[in-house]
Structure formats: C-alpha cells, structure tokens
Amino acid sequence: MLATDLIEEDVPVVSCDTTVDEVLEIMTEYKTSQLPVVERGDLIGIVTDTDIDDRPKGTAIEMYKNEFLEYMINEQQLVHDVVKVLKEHDLVLVPVINNERKYLRSITPRAIVDYYGKTLAIEHGCSVFVLRMNRNDYSLGEIAQIAEGNNAKIFAVQVFPELDEKGISVVLSIKTEDNSGLLQSFHRYEYNVTASYDKDQFHEDLKNRFEELMKYINM
C-alpha cells in the first residue's frame, strides 16, 4: 500500500499568516500538537505547539518558519516509510506531497493503526507473533509448516527491515487455538520470538498493542 492510500480528510492545515493564538486554538480543537503549514498549495513545513506556545499570540507564524519541521512523505512511498518517519521523528502526523511538492493531505498514526488492523487480519480473530531473524534465514515455507503442524493457519505476513540492514522482523497474523503450543514450536526451531499477542489481547487495545509492536519492530 502507498502513502496516498492512507491520507486523511480531517487533518486541518494553517498558513503562514495564521496567528499563534489561532494555531493553538485549532490544535486544541483537533487535539493535536502539530499542524501542516501550506501556502498556495505548497507545503512549507510542520508547526508544533512547542515552537509557538510562548510566542506573542497575535503574531503570524511566518515569523517562526525557520523552526518548522520539514518532514514529509511522497505519495508514492510505501506505508513502511510512513511508519519509519512517524517513529524516528516523534511525529503525530506526516504530510504527503506529490512530485511538485504540492501538499495533498496528511497521515496520522490512527490511519496506520487502521491499516495494520486490516492487514494483520484482526477481523479474523487472529493472534500476532513477531519473529526476529537475519534476512538470509527467512523462510516463509518453514514458518508455514510450523504453523500447520500446530493446526494453525497464517492469514497475513508483514516483513520489516531493521536499521542495521541485516536483520528483519516478521509479523505473523495466525489463527490458532493454542498460542503456547505454537510458541513452543517456534522456540524448538530456534526462532527468536520477540513478541506475541493472543486475539483477545490485540482486540482489547489495538492502539496500545500497535505502539508496542513498533517498539519490538525497532524501525
């Protein structure tokens, strides 16, 4: 899936002539600490509440544009790139632009949570397992055989490269009635299981589990 498939309609934007008090009011209304700044369709940057909180209220934020964050994603980049930018730079939104740097809309962690909830087949009542390994050791066929040997079925697989470029984290959405048995089998085959969540855990608090998942993935 591409970034353009995740953009949201309800993320407000401000312009350079928007005043500090107006920006803070919008942030309060939409419960956000960051907003994209757009001028004549061009993305200027991201203004944060910490940049302007102590500034004179009637001042246009253009006065502080040197402090705007300049993180963005091209519409053709992958969802994994979006997650990486959000996590590495501690963003609550990431603006999406086209090749002419025209602002399209933004993506928030909420959209990512929704995407992974669907991609990991949560609606099927699956459990989630995270395996960490070297790239050369990855064999989906072997992993599937282990699952089948435990009367389990893999519904979805996501592979995330790690920062060292040698390792990967494999996130498996598996329908199983015996999490502990499957976990033991992975250990028996010497797989490093860094996280596992049963179907009830994952449904109970998807957002919280997603944040934990990103921590284990270590993007």
C-alpha atoms as a PDB file:
ATOM      1  CA  MET A   1       0.000   0.000   0.000  1.00  0.00           C
ATOM      2  CA  LEU A   2       1.192   3.510  -0.845  1.00  0.00           C
ATOM      3  CA  ALA A   3       1.112   6.656   1.273  1.00  0.00           C
ATOM      4  CA  THR A   4      -1.572   8.168  -0.942  1.00  0.00           C
ATOM      5  CA  ASP A   5      -3.928   5.349   0.115  1.00  0.00           C
ATOM      6  CA  LEU A   6      -3.694   6.405   3.775  1.00  0.00           C
ATOM      7  CA  ILE A   7      -4.221  10.163   3.589  1.00  0.00           C
ATOM      8  CA  GLU A   8      -6.963  11.525   5.828  1.00  0.00           C
ATOM      9  CA  GLU A   9      -9.572  14.154   5.100  1.00  0.00           C
ATOM     10  CA  ASP A  10      -9.932  15.673   8.558  1.00  0.00           C
ATOM     11  CA  VAL A  11      -6.405  16.955   9.302  1.00  0.00           C
ATOM     12  CA  PRO A  12      -6.610  20.782   9.248  1.00  0.00           C
ATOM     13  CA  VAL A  13      -3.890  22.985   7.749  1.00  0.00           C
ATOM     14  CA  VAL A  14      -2.739  26.507   8.561  1.00  0.00           C
ATOM     15  CA  SER A  15      -0.951  29.155   6.502  1.00  0.00           C
ATOM     16  CA  CYS A  16       1.997  31.417   7.214  1.00  0.00           C
ATOM     17  CA  ASP A  17      -0.279  34.345   8.075  1.00  0.00           C
ATOM     18  CA  THR A  18      -2.227  32.331  10.651  1.00  0.00           C
ATOM     19  CA  THR A  19      -1.568  33.808  14.077  1.00  0.00           C
ATOM     20  CA  VAL A  20      -0.120  31.991  17.051  1.00  0.00           C
ATOM     21  CA  ASP A  21      -3.367  32.086  19.016  1.00  0.00           C
ATOM     22  CA  GLU A  22      -5.343  30.810  16.017  1.00  0.00           C
ATOM     23  CA  VAL A  23      -2.962  27.889  15.535  1.00  0.00           C
ATOM     24  CA  LEU A  24      -3.085  26.957  19.217  1.00  0.00           C
ATOM     25  CA  GLU A  25      -6.888  27.134  19.142  1.00  0.00           C
ATOM     26  CA  ILE A  26      -7.016  24.761  16.153  1.00  0.00           C
ATOM     27  CA  MET A  27      -4.580  22.405  17.879  1.00  0.00           C
ATOM     28  CA  THR A  28      -6.781  22.353  20.965  1.00  0.00           C
ATOM     29  CA  GLU A  29      -9.929  21.749  18.919  1.00  0.00           C
ATOM     30  CA  TYR A  30      -8.404  18.856  16.970  1.00  0.00           C
ATOM     31  CA  LYS A  31      -6.386  17.513  19.917  1.00  0.00           C
ATOM     32  CA  THR A  32      -3.063  17.667  18.108  1.00  0.00           C
ATOM     33  CA  SER A  33       0.336  19.201  18.803  1.00  0.00           C
ATOM     34  CA  GLN A  34       1.404  19.563  15.170  1.00  0.00           C
ATOM     35  CA  LEU A  35      -0.152  21.032  12.030  1.00  0.00           C
ATOM     36  CA  PRO A  36       0.980  21.245   8.398  1.00  0.00           C
ATOM     37  CA  VAL A  37       1.673  24.753   7.119  1.00  0.00           C
ATOM     38  CA  VAL A  38       0.577  25.217   3.497  1.00  0.00           C
ATOM     39  CA  GLU A  39       0.960  28.269   1.284  1.00  0.00           C
ATOM     40  CA  ARG A  40      -0.712  28.365  -2.162  1.00  0.00           C
ATOM     41  CA  GLY A  41      -0.764  24.585  -2.197  1.00  0.00           C
ATOM     42  CA  ASP A  42       2.923  24.217  -1.318  1.00  0.00           C
ATOM     43  CA  LEU A  43       3.976  22.500   1.895  1.00  0.00           C
ATOM     44  CA  ILE A  44       6.070  24.901   3.982  1.00  0.00           C
ATOM     45  CA  GLY A  45       6.590  22.621   6.972  1.00  0.00           C
ATOM     46  CA  ILE A  46       5.059  21.425  10.238  1.00  0.00           C
ATOM     47  CA  VAL A  47       4.413  23.844  13.085  1.00  0.00           C
ATOM     48  CA  THR A  48       4.466  22.385  16.609  1.00  0.00           C
ATOM     49  CA  ASP A  49       2.924  23.700  19.798  1.00  0.00           C
ATOM     50  CA  THR A  50       6.329  23.849  21.498  1.00  0.00           C
ATOM     51  CA  ASP A  51       7.606  26.183  18.762  1.00  0.00           C
ATOM     52  CA  ILE A  52       4.944  28.825  19.326  1.00  0.00           C
ATOM     53  CA  ASP A  53       3.467  28.265  22.790  1.00  0.00           C
ATOM     54  CA  ASP A  54       5.417  31.129  24.358  1.00  0.00           C
ATOM     55  CA  ARG A  55       5.236  33.474  21.349  1.00  0.00           C
ATOM     56  CA  PRO A  56       3.090  36.640  21.204  1.00  0.00           C
ATOM     57  CA  LYS A  57      -0.444  35.479  20.492  1.00  0.00           C
ATOM     58  CA  GLY A  58      -1.241  37.877  17.658  1.00  0.00           C
ATOM     59  CA  THR A  59       1.955  37.198  15.728  1.00  0.00           C
ATOM     60  CA  ALA A  60       1.790  35.429  12.374  1.00  0.00           C
ATOM     61  CA  ILE A  61       3.593  32.088  12.499  1.00  0.00           C
ATOM     62  CA  GLU A  62       5.587  33.094   9.415  1.00  0.00           C
ATOM     63  CA  MET A  63       7.910  34.813  11.898  1.00  0.00           C
ATOM     64  CA  TYR A  64       8.952  31.377  13.172  1.00  0.00           C
ATOM     65  CA  LYS A  65       9.054  29.335   9.973  1.00  0.00           C
ATOM     66  CA  ASN A  66      12.758  28.633  10.448  1.00  0.00           C
ATOM     67  CA  GLU A  67      11.646  26.407  13.317  1.00  0.00           C
ATOM     68  CA  PHE A  68       9.087  24.449  11.293  1.00  0.00           C
ATOM     69  CA  LEU A  69       9.765  20.731  10.938  1.00  0.00           C
ATOM     70  CA  GLU A  70      10.485  19.687   7.369  1.00  0.00           C
ATOM     71  CA  TYR A  71       9.482  16.025   7.374  1.00  0.00           C
ATOM     72  CA  MET A  72       7.215  14.737   4.629  1.00  0.00           C
ATOM     73  CA  ILE A  73       6.401  11.683   2.535  1.00  0.00           C
ATOM     74  CA  ASN A  74       5.939  11.411  -1.209  1.00  0.00           C
ATOM     75  CA  GLU A  75       2.583   9.980  -2.240  1.00  0.00           C
ATOM     76  CA  GLN A  76       4.313   7.040  -3.960  1.00  0.00           C
ATOM     77  CA  GLN A  77       6.289   5.916  -0.898  1.00  0.00           C
ATOM     78  CA  LEU A  78       5.291   2.763   0.946  1.00  0.00           C
ATOM     79  CA  VAL A  79       3.401   2.578   4.218  1.00  0.00           C
ATOM     80  CA  HIS A  80       6.564   1.247   5.888  1.00  0.00           C
ATOM     81  CA  ASP A  81       8.264   4.544   5.030  1.00  0.00           C
ATOM     82  CA  VAL A  82       5.414   6.425   6.678  1.00  0.00           C
ATOM     83  CA  VAL A  83       5.779   4.402   9.886  1.00  0.00           C
ATOM     84  CA  LYS A  84       9.532   4.990   9.896  1.00  0.00           C
ATOM     85  CA  VAL A  85       9.186   8.773   9.554  1.00  0.00           C
ATOM     86  CA  LEU A  86       6.476   8.953  12.241  1.00  0.00           C
ATOM     87  CA  LYS A  87       8.518   6.910  14.695  1.00  0.00           C
ATOM     88  CA  GLU A  88      12.014   8.262  14.058  1.00  0.00           C
ATOM     89  CA  HIS A  89      10.958  11.904  14.335  1.00  0.00           C
ATOM     90  CA  ASP A  90       8.265  11.543  17.009  1.00  0.00           C
ATOM     91  CA  LEU A  91       5.550  12.982  14.773  1.00  0.00           C
ATOM     92  CA  VAL A  92       1.797  12.923  15.310  1.00  0.00           C
ATOM     93  CA  LEU A  93       1.258  13.438  11.590  1.00  0.00           C
ATOM     94  CA  VAL A  94       3.273  13.311   8.390  1.00  0.00           C
ATOM     95  CA  PRO A  95       2.347  15.461   5.384  1.00  0.00           C
ATOM     96  CA  VAL A  96       2.030  13.774   1.989  1.00  0.00           C
ATOM     97  CA  ILE A  97       3.246  15.619  -1.108  1.00  0.00           C
ATOM     98  CA  ASN A  98       3.391  14.935  -4.828  1.00  0.00           C
ATOM     99  CA  ASN A  99       6.454  15.253  -7.047  1.00  0.00           C
ATOM    100  CA  GLU A 100       5.912  19.015  -7.349  1.00  0.00           C
ATOM    101  CA  ARG A 101       5.955  19.316  -3.544  1.00  0.00           C
ATOM    102  CA  LYS A 102       2.269  20.173  -3.585  1.00  0.00           C
ATOM    103  CA  TYR A 103       0.549  19.252  -0.340  1.00  0.00           C
ATOM    104  CA  LEU A 104      -2.064  16.524  -0.686  1.00  0.00           C
ATOM    105  CA  ARG A 105      -3.122  15.682   2.869  1.00  0.00           C
ATOM    106  CA  SER A 106      -1.605  14.153   5.991  1.00  0.00           C
ATOM    107  CA  ILE A 107      -1.336  10.733   7.599  1.00  0.00           C
ATOM    108  CA  THR A 108      -1.685  10.188  11.350  1.00  0.00           C
ATOM    109  CA  PRO A 109      -0.880   7.123  13.474  1.00  0.00           C
ATOM    110  CA  ARG A 110      -4.618   6.418  13.542  1.00  0.00           C
ATOM    111  CA  ALA A 111      -4.549   5.621   9.825  1.00  0.00           C
ATOM    112  CA  ILE A 112      -1.554   3.347  10.376  1.00  0.00           C
ATOM    113  CA  VAL A 113      -3.350   1.519  13.179  1.00  0.00           C
ATOM    114  CA  ASP A 114      -6.382   1.009  10.950  1.00  0.00           C
ATOM    115  CA  TYR A 115      -4.169  -0.239   8.128  1.00  0.00           C
ATOM    116  CA  TYR A 116      -2.339  -2.780  10.260  1.00  0.00           C
ATOM    117  CA  GLY A 117      -5.557  -3.867  11.920  1.00  0.00           C
ATOM    118  CA  LYS A 118      -6.838  -4.857   8.477  1.00  0.00           C
ATOM    119  CA  THR A 119      -3.538  -6.111   7.071  1.00  0.00           C
ATOM    120  CA  LEU A 120      -2.876  -8.369  10.044  1.00  0.00           C
ATOM    121  CA  ALA A 121      -6.330  -9.899   9.641  1.00  0.00           C
ATOM    122  CA  ILE A 122      -7.532  -8.810  13.055  1.00  0.00           C
ATOM    123  CA  GLU A 123     -11.120  -9.231  11.890  1.00  0.00           C
ATOM    124  CA  HIS A 124     -10.475 -12.975  11.647  1.00  0.00           C
ATOM    125  CA  GLY A 125      -9.682 -13.218  15.364  1.00  0.00           C
ATOM    126  CA  CYS A 126      -6.005 -13.928  14.776  1.00  0.00           C
ATOM    127  CA  SER A 127      -3.109 -13.906  17.197  1.00  0.00           C
ATOM    128  CA  VAL A 128       0.023 -11.943  16.337  1.00  0.00           C
ATOM    129  CA  PHE A 129       3.606 -13.201  16.580  1.00  0.00           C
ATOM    130  CA  VAL A 130       6.753 -11.166  15.929  1.00  0.00           C
ATOM    131  CA  LEU A 131       9.879 -13.096  14.891  1.00  0.00           C
ATOM    132  CA  ARG A 132      13.303 -11.505  14.533  1.00  0.00           C
ATOM    133  CA  MET A 133      15.970 -13.087  12.325  1.00  0.00           C
ATOM    134  CA  ASN A 134      18.707 -12.472   9.785  1.00  0.00           C
ATOM    135  CA  ARG A 135      17.478 -11.823   6.264  1.00  0.00           C
ATOM    136  CA  ASN A 136      19.183 -14.947   4.940  1.00  0.00           C
ATOM    137  CA  ASP A 137      17.395 -17.136   7.497  1.00  0.00           C
ATOM    138  CA  TYR A 138      13.893 -16.098   6.459  1.00  0.00           C
ATOM    139  CA  SER A 139      11.801 -18.931   5.041  1.00  0.00           C
ATOM    140  CA  LEU A 140       8.057 -18.406   4.892  1.00  0.00           C
ATOM    141  CA  GLY A 141       7.675 -22.030   3.818  1.00  0.00           C
ATOM    142  CA  GLU A 142       9.275 -23.299   7.013  1.00  0.00           C
ATOM    143  CA  ILE A 143       7.254 -20.898   9.152  1.00  0.00           C
ATOM    144  CA  ALA A 144       4.053 -22.057   7.442  1.00  0.00           C
ATOM    145  CA  GLN A 145       4.982 -25.711   8.075  1.00  0.00           C
ATOM    146  CA  ILE A 146       5.474 -24.983  11.766  1.00  0.00           C
ATOM    147  CA  ALA A 147       2.073 -23.295  11.901  1.00  0.00           C
ATOM    148  CA  GLU A 148       0.356 -26.133  10.044  1.00  0.00           C
ATOM    149  CA  GLY A 149       1.996 -28.644  12.374  1.00  0.00           C
ATOM    150  CA  ASN A 150       0.125 -26.912  15.195  1.00  0.00           C
ATOM    151  CA  ASN A 151      -3.212 -26.852  13.334  1.00  0.00           C
ATOM    152  CA  ALA A 152      -2.776 -23.116  12.808  1.00  0.00           C
ATOM    153  CA  LYS A 153      -3.267 -21.004   9.685  1.00  0.00           C
ATOM    154  CA  ILE A 154      -1.309 -17.917   8.624  1.00  0.00           C
ATOM    155  CA  PHE A 155      -3.641 -15.143   7.447  1.00  0.00           C
ATOM    156  CA  ALA A 156      -1.134 -12.327   6.892  1.00  0.00           C
ATOM    157  CA  VAL A 157       2.609 -11.648   6.923  1.00  0.00           C
ATOM    158  CA  GLN A 158       4.467  -8.350   7.181  1.00  0.00           C
ATOM    159  CA  VAL A 159       8.269  -8.152   6.866  1.00  0.00           C
ATOM    160  CA  PHE A 160      10.068  -5.108   8.283  1.00  0.00           C
ATOM    161  CA  PRO A 161      13.763  -4.382   7.628  1.00  0.00           C
ATOM    162  CA  GLU A 162      15.757  -3.376  10.681  1.00  0.00           C
ATOM    163  CA  LEU A 163      18.064  -0.383  10.847  1.00  0.00           C
ATOM    164  CA  ASP A 164      21.238  -2.479  10.633  1.00  0.00           C
ATOM    165  CA  GLU A 165      20.072  -3.710   7.186  1.00  0.00           C
ATOM    166  CA  LYS A 166      20.994  -7.287   8.131  1.00  0.00           C
ATOM    167  CA  GLY A 167      18.026  -8.310  10.231  1.00  0.00           C
ATOM    168  CA  ILE A 168      14.284  -8.355   9.716  1.00  0.00           C
ATOM    169  CA  SER A 169      11.222  -8.608  11.903  1.00  0.00           C
ATOM    170  CA  VAL A 170       8.459 -10.842  10.595  1.00  0.00           C
ATOM    171  CA  VAL A 171       4.967 -10.056  11.899  1.00  0.00           C
ATOM    172  CA  LEU A 172       2.602 -13.001  11.544  1.00  0.00           C
ATOM    173  CA  SER A 173      -1.172 -12.948  11.887  1.00  0.00           C
ATOM    174  CA  ILE A 174      -2.105 -16.528  12.748  1.00  0.00           C
ATOM    175  CA  LYS A 175      -5.405 -18.178  13.573  1.00  0.00           C
ATOM    176  CA  THR A 176      -4.704 -20.693  16.304  1.00  0.00           C
ATOM    177  CA  GLU A 177      -6.431 -22.158  19.327  1.00  0.00           C
ATOM    178  CA  ASP A 178      -3.137 -22.902  21.086  1.00  0.00           C
ATOM    179  CA  ASN A 179      -0.815 -19.911  21.333  1.00  0.00           C
ATOM    180  CA  SER A 180       1.502 -21.577  23.827  1.00  0.00           C
ATOM    181  CA  GLY A 181       1.923 -24.691  21.687  1.00  0.00           C
ATOM    182  CA  LEU A 182       2.781 -22.642  18.608  1.00  0.00           C
ATOM    183  CA  LEU A 183       5.160 -20.505  20.652  1.00  0.00           C
ATOM    184  CA  GLN A 184       6.950 -23.627  21.900  1.00  0.00           C
ATOM    185  CA  SER A 185       7.279 -24.885  18.331  1.00  0.00           C
ATOM    186  CA  PHE A 186       8.870 -21.632  17.185  1.00  0.00           C
ATOM    187  CA  HIS A 187      11.337 -21.876  20.057  1.00  0.00           C
ATOM    188  CA  ARG A 188      12.056 -25.520  19.238  1.00  0.00           C
ATOM    189  CA  TYR A 189      13.038 -24.458  15.726  1.00  0.00           C
ATOM    190  CA  GLU A 190      15.235 -21.757  17.300  1.00  0.00           C
ATOM    191  CA  TYR A 191      13.179 -18.789  16.169  1.00  0.00           C
ATOM    192  CA  ASN A 192      13.592 -15.615  18.202  1.00  0.00           C
ATOM    193  CA  VAL A 193      10.032 -14.646  19.161  1.00  0.00           C
ATOM    194  CA  THR A 194      10.269 -11.061  20.372  1.00  0.00           C
ATOM    195  CA  ALA A 195       6.548 -10.545  20.961  1.00  0.00           C
ATOM    196  CA  SER A 196       3.267 -12.418  20.845  1.00  0.00           C
ATOM    197  CA  TYR A 197      -0.315 -11.322  21.435  1.00  0.00           C
ATOM    198  CA  ASP A 198      -3.367 -13.510  21.599  1.00  0.00           C
ATOM    199  CA  LYS A 199      -6.511 -12.456  19.758  1.00  0.00           C
ATOM    200  CA  ASP A 200      -8.202 -11.107  22.884  1.00  0.00           C
ATOM    201  CA  GLN A 201      -5.182  -9.003  23.846  1.00  0.00           C
ATOM    202  CA  PHE A 202      -4.948  -7.468  20.400  1.00  0.00           C
ATOM    203  CA  HIS A 203      -8.628  -6.596  20.242  1.00  0.00           C
ATOM    204  CA  GLU A 204      -8.646  -5.163  23.772  1.00  0.00           C
ATOM    205  CA  ASP A 205      -6.440  -2.204  22.942  1.00  0.00           C
ATOM    206  CA  LEU A 206      -5.296  -2.142  19.320  1.00  0.00           C
ATOM    207  CA  LYS A 207      -3.604   1.241  19.505  1.00  0.00           C
ATOM    208  CA  ASN A 208      -1.552   0.338  22.570  1.00  0.00           C
ATOM    209  CA  ARG A 209      -0.569  -3.006  21.076  1.00  0.00           C
ATOM    210  CA  PHE A 210       0.420  -1.285  17.835  1.00  0.00           C
ATOM    211  CA  GLU A 211       2.789   1.023  19.706  1.00  0.00           C
ATOM    212  CA  GLU A 212       4.339  -1.975  21.436  1.00  0.00           C
ATOM    213  CA  LEU A 213       4.592  -3.707  18.087  1.00  0.00           C
ATOM    214  CA  MET A 214       6.502  -0.763  16.615  1.00  0.00           C
ATOM    215  CA  LYS A 215       8.860  -0.845  19.585  1.00  0.00           C
ATOM    216  CA  TYR A 216       9.642  -4.514  19.007  1.00  0.00           C
ATOM    217  CA  ILE A 217       9.974  -3.991  15.268  1.00  0.00           C
ATOM    218  CA  ASN A 218      12.557  -1.297  16.072  1.00  0.00           C
ATOM    219  CA  MET A 219      12.201   0.557  12.811  1.00  0.00           C
END
